[in-house]
N, C-alpha and C. Protein backbone atom coordinates (compact mmCIF):
# COMPACT_ATOMS: atom_id res chain seq x y z
N MET A 1 242.16 130.98 -52.26
CA MET A 1 240.85 131.49 -51.90
C MET A 1 240.81 132.99 -52.19
N PRO A 2 239.81 133.45 -52.98
CA PRO A 2 239.74 134.87 -53.31
C PRO A 2 239.40 135.72 -52.09
N THR A 3 240.06 136.85 -52.03
CA THR A 3 239.80 137.78 -50.94
C THR A 3 238.69 138.74 -51.36
N GLN A 4 238.17 139.46 -50.38
CA GLN A 4 237.11 140.44 -50.66
C GLN A 4 237.63 141.52 -51.61
N GLU A 5 238.88 141.93 -51.41
CA GLU A 5 239.45 142.97 -52.28
C GLU A 5 239.59 142.46 -53.71
N ASN A 6 240.00 141.20 -53.87
CA ASN A 6 240.11 140.63 -55.22
C ASN A 6 238.74 140.56 -55.89
N ASN A 7 237.70 140.24 -55.11
CA ASN A 7 236.34 140.21 -55.66
C ASN A 7 235.93 141.59 -56.14
N LYS A 8 236.23 142.62 -55.35
CA LYS A 8 235.91 143.99 -55.74
C LYS A 8 236.65 144.34 -57.03
N ARG A 9 237.93 143.96 -57.10
CA ARG A 9 238.74 144.24 -58.28
C ARG A 9 238.14 143.55 -59.50
N GLU A 10 237.78 142.29 -59.37
CA GLU A 10 237.18 141.55 -60.48
C GLU A 10 235.87 142.18 -60.92
N ASN A 11 235.03 142.57 -59.95
CA ASN A 11 233.76 143.21 -60.27
C ASN A 11 233.98 144.53 -61.02
N PHE A 12 234.98 145.28 -60.58
CA PHE A 12 235.30 146.54 -61.27
C PHE A 12 235.72 146.27 -62.70
N LEU A 13 236.63 145.32 -62.90
CA LEU A 13 237.14 145.04 -64.24
C LEU A 13 236.04 144.56 -65.18
N LYS A 14 235.09 143.77 -64.66
CA LYS A 14 233.96 143.33 -65.47
C LYS A 14 233.10 144.52 -65.87
N ALA A 15 232.82 145.39 -64.91
CA ALA A 15 232.01 146.58 -65.19
C ALA A 15 232.71 147.49 -66.19
N TYR A 16 234.01 147.70 -65.99
CA TYR A 16 234.78 148.58 -66.87
C TYR A 16 234.81 148.04 -68.31
N ALA A 17 234.99 146.74 -68.44
CA ALA A 17 235.07 146.13 -69.77
C ALA A 17 233.77 146.29 -70.56
N ASN A 18 232.65 146.41 -69.86
CA ASN A 18 231.35 146.52 -70.53
C ASN A 18 230.90 147.96 -70.76
N LEU A 19 231.71 148.92 -70.37
CA LEU A 19 231.34 150.33 -70.54
C LEU A 19 231.61 150.80 -71.97
N PRO A 20 230.73 151.64 -72.51
CA PRO A 20 231.05 152.31 -73.78
C PRO A 20 232.26 153.22 -73.58
N LEU A 21 233.04 153.39 -74.62
CA LEU A 21 234.28 154.17 -74.52
C LEU A 21 234.04 155.59 -74.01
N ASN A 22 232.98 156.26 -74.45
CA ASN A 22 232.72 157.63 -74.00
C ASN A 22 232.41 157.69 -72.51
N THR A 23 231.76 156.66 -71.98
CA THR A 23 231.39 156.62 -70.56
C THR A 23 232.62 156.55 -69.67
N ARG A 24 233.68 155.97 -70.17
CA ARG A 24 234.90 155.79 -69.37
C ARG A 24 235.53 157.12 -68.97
N LYS A 25 235.19 158.18 -69.65
CA LYS A 25 235.74 159.51 -69.33
C LYS A 25 234.92 160.26 -68.29
N GLU A 26 233.78 159.68 -67.89
CA GLU A 26 232.90 160.34 -66.93
C GLU A 26 233.41 160.19 -65.50
N VAL A 27 233.20 161.24 -64.72
CA VAL A 27 233.57 161.21 -63.30
C VAL A 27 232.57 160.31 -62.57
N ILE A 28 233.11 159.39 -61.75
CA ILE A 28 232.24 158.46 -61.03
C ILE A 28 232.25 158.68 -59.53
N LEU A 29 233.28 159.35 -59.04
CA LEU A 29 233.33 159.66 -57.61
C LEU A 29 234.36 160.75 -57.36
N ILE A 30 234.29 161.32 -56.17
CA ILE A 30 235.25 162.35 -55.75
C ILE A 30 235.97 161.81 -54.51
N LEU A 31 237.30 161.75 -54.59
CA LEU A 31 238.09 161.34 -53.43
C LEU A 31 238.45 162.57 -52.63
N ASP A 32 238.18 162.53 -51.34
CA ASP A 32 238.53 163.63 -50.45
C ASP A 32 239.94 163.38 -49.93
N LEU A 33 240.87 164.20 -50.38
CA LEU A 33 242.27 164.05 -50.01
C LEU A 33 242.69 165.09 -48.99
N GLY A 34 241.80 165.41 -48.08
CA GLY A 34 242.11 166.41 -47.06
C GLY A 34 241.88 167.81 -47.57
N GLU A 35 242.96 168.46 -47.98
CA GLU A 35 242.87 169.85 -48.43
C GLU A 35 242.24 170.00 -49.81
N LYS A 36 242.26 168.92 -50.60
CA LYS A 36 241.68 169.03 -51.94
C LYS A 36 240.85 167.79 -52.25
N LYS A 37 239.96 167.96 -53.20
CA LYS A 37 239.12 166.86 -53.64
C LYS A 37 239.54 166.48 -55.06
N GLN A 38 239.64 165.18 -55.31
CA GLN A 38 240.11 164.69 -56.60
C GLN A 38 238.99 163.95 -57.33
N PRO A 39 238.56 164.46 -58.49
CA PRO A 39 237.56 163.73 -59.26
C PRO A 39 238.20 162.49 -59.89
N ILE A 40 237.46 161.38 -59.86
CA ILE A 40 237.97 160.11 -60.39
C ILE A 40 237.03 159.65 -61.51
N THR A 41 237.59 159.46 -62.70
CA THR A 41 236.83 158.92 -63.83
C THR A 41 237.00 157.41 -63.84
N TRP A 42 236.21 156.74 -64.68
CA TRP A 42 236.38 155.30 -64.84
C TRP A 42 237.81 154.99 -65.29
N GLU A 43 238.37 155.81 -66.19
CA GLU A 43 239.73 155.57 -66.70
C GLU A 43 240.77 155.70 -65.59
N VAL A 44 240.64 156.72 -64.76
CA VAL A 44 241.58 156.92 -63.64
C VAL A 44 241.46 155.77 -62.66
N ALA A 45 240.22 155.38 -62.37
CA ALA A 45 240.00 154.26 -61.44
C ALA A 45 240.66 153.00 -62.00
N TYR A 46 240.51 152.77 -63.30
CA TYR A 46 241.11 151.59 -63.92
C TYR A 46 242.63 151.59 -63.75
N LEU A 47 243.26 152.71 -64.01
CA LEU A 47 244.72 152.79 -63.87
C LEU A 47 245.16 152.56 -62.43
N GLU A 48 244.46 153.17 -61.49
CA GLU A 48 244.80 153.01 -60.07
C GLU A 48 244.63 151.55 -59.64
N ILE A 49 243.53 150.94 -60.05
CA ILE A 49 243.24 149.56 -59.64
C ILE A 49 244.18 148.58 -60.34
N ARG A 50 244.44 148.80 -61.61
CA ARG A 50 245.36 147.92 -62.34
C ARG A 50 246.76 147.94 -61.73
N ASN A 51 247.19 149.11 -61.28
CA ASN A 51 248.52 149.25 -60.69
C ASN A 51 248.54 149.00 -59.19
N ASN A 52 247.37 148.67 -58.63
CA ASN A 52 247.26 148.32 -57.21
C ASN A 52 247.88 149.38 -56.31
N THR A 53 247.51 150.63 -56.55
CA THR A 53 248.05 151.74 -55.76
C THR A 53 247.33 151.83 -54.42
N GLN A 54 247.85 152.70 -53.54
CA GLN A 54 247.20 152.92 -52.25
C GLN A 54 245.77 153.42 -52.43
N GLU A 55 245.57 154.28 -53.40
CA GLU A 55 244.25 154.86 -53.63
C GLU A 55 243.26 153.84 -54.17
N SER A 56 243.76 152.76 -54.78
CA SER A 56 242.85 151.78 -55.39
C SER A 56 241.91 151.16 -54.36
N LYS A 57 242.37 150.95 -53.14
CA LYS A 57 241.52 150.37 -52.10
C LYS A 57 240.38 151.32 -51.76
N ARG A 58 240.69 152.61 -51.63
CA ARG A 58 239.66 153.61 -51.33
C ARG A 58 238.65 153.71 -52.47
N ILE A 59 239.16 153.66 -53.70
CA ILE A 59 238.29 153.75 -54.87
C ILE A 59 237.35 152.55 -54.92
N LEU A 60 237.89 151.35 -54.71
CA LEU A 60 237.06 150.15 -54.74
C LEU A 60 235.98 150.18 -53.66
N GLU A 61 236.34 150.63 -52.47
CA GLU A 61 235.37 150.71 -51.38
C GLU A 61 234.23 151.68 -51.73
N LYS A 62 234.61 152.85 -52.26
CA LYS A 62 233.59 153.85 -52.61
C LYS A 62 232.70 153.37 -53.74
N LEU A 63 233.29 152.71 -54.74
CA LEU A 63 232.50 152.20 -55.85
C LEU A 63 231.52 151.14 -55.39
N GLU A 64 231.94 150.31 -54.45
CA GLU A 64 231.04 149.29 -53.92
C GLU A 64 229.89 149.94 -53.13
N LYS A 65 230.22 150.96 -52.32
CA LYS A 65 229.18 151.66 -51.56
C LYS A 65 228.17 152.35 -52.48
N LEU A 66 228.65 152.84 -53.62
CA LEU A 66 227.79 153.52 -54.58
C LEU A 66 226.98 152.52 -55.42
N GLY A 67 227.31 151.25 -55.32
CA GLY A 67 226.61 150.23 -56.08
C GLY A 67 227.04 150.14 -57.54
N LEU A 68 228.21 150.68 -57.83
CA LEU A 68 228.71 150.64 -59.21
C LEU A 68 229.46 149.36 -59.54
N ILE A 69 229.86 148.65 -58.50
CA ILE A 69 230.51 147.34 -58.70
C ILE A 69 229.88 146.32 -57.76
């Protein structure tokens, strides 16, 4: 049974696959890491999500809230 996180991951991958190559370099969100803020592009998000890092969960949640996935 698919989990909510897997659904978010699948939605992201579908959206990413349909993006023009130039768009993938655009910043889509800013992660607040306490003392510093980290801009996240589609490419960075893809790498984080593909590697299932700790940050990937935060990225997926923010992308869903923004309506991008």
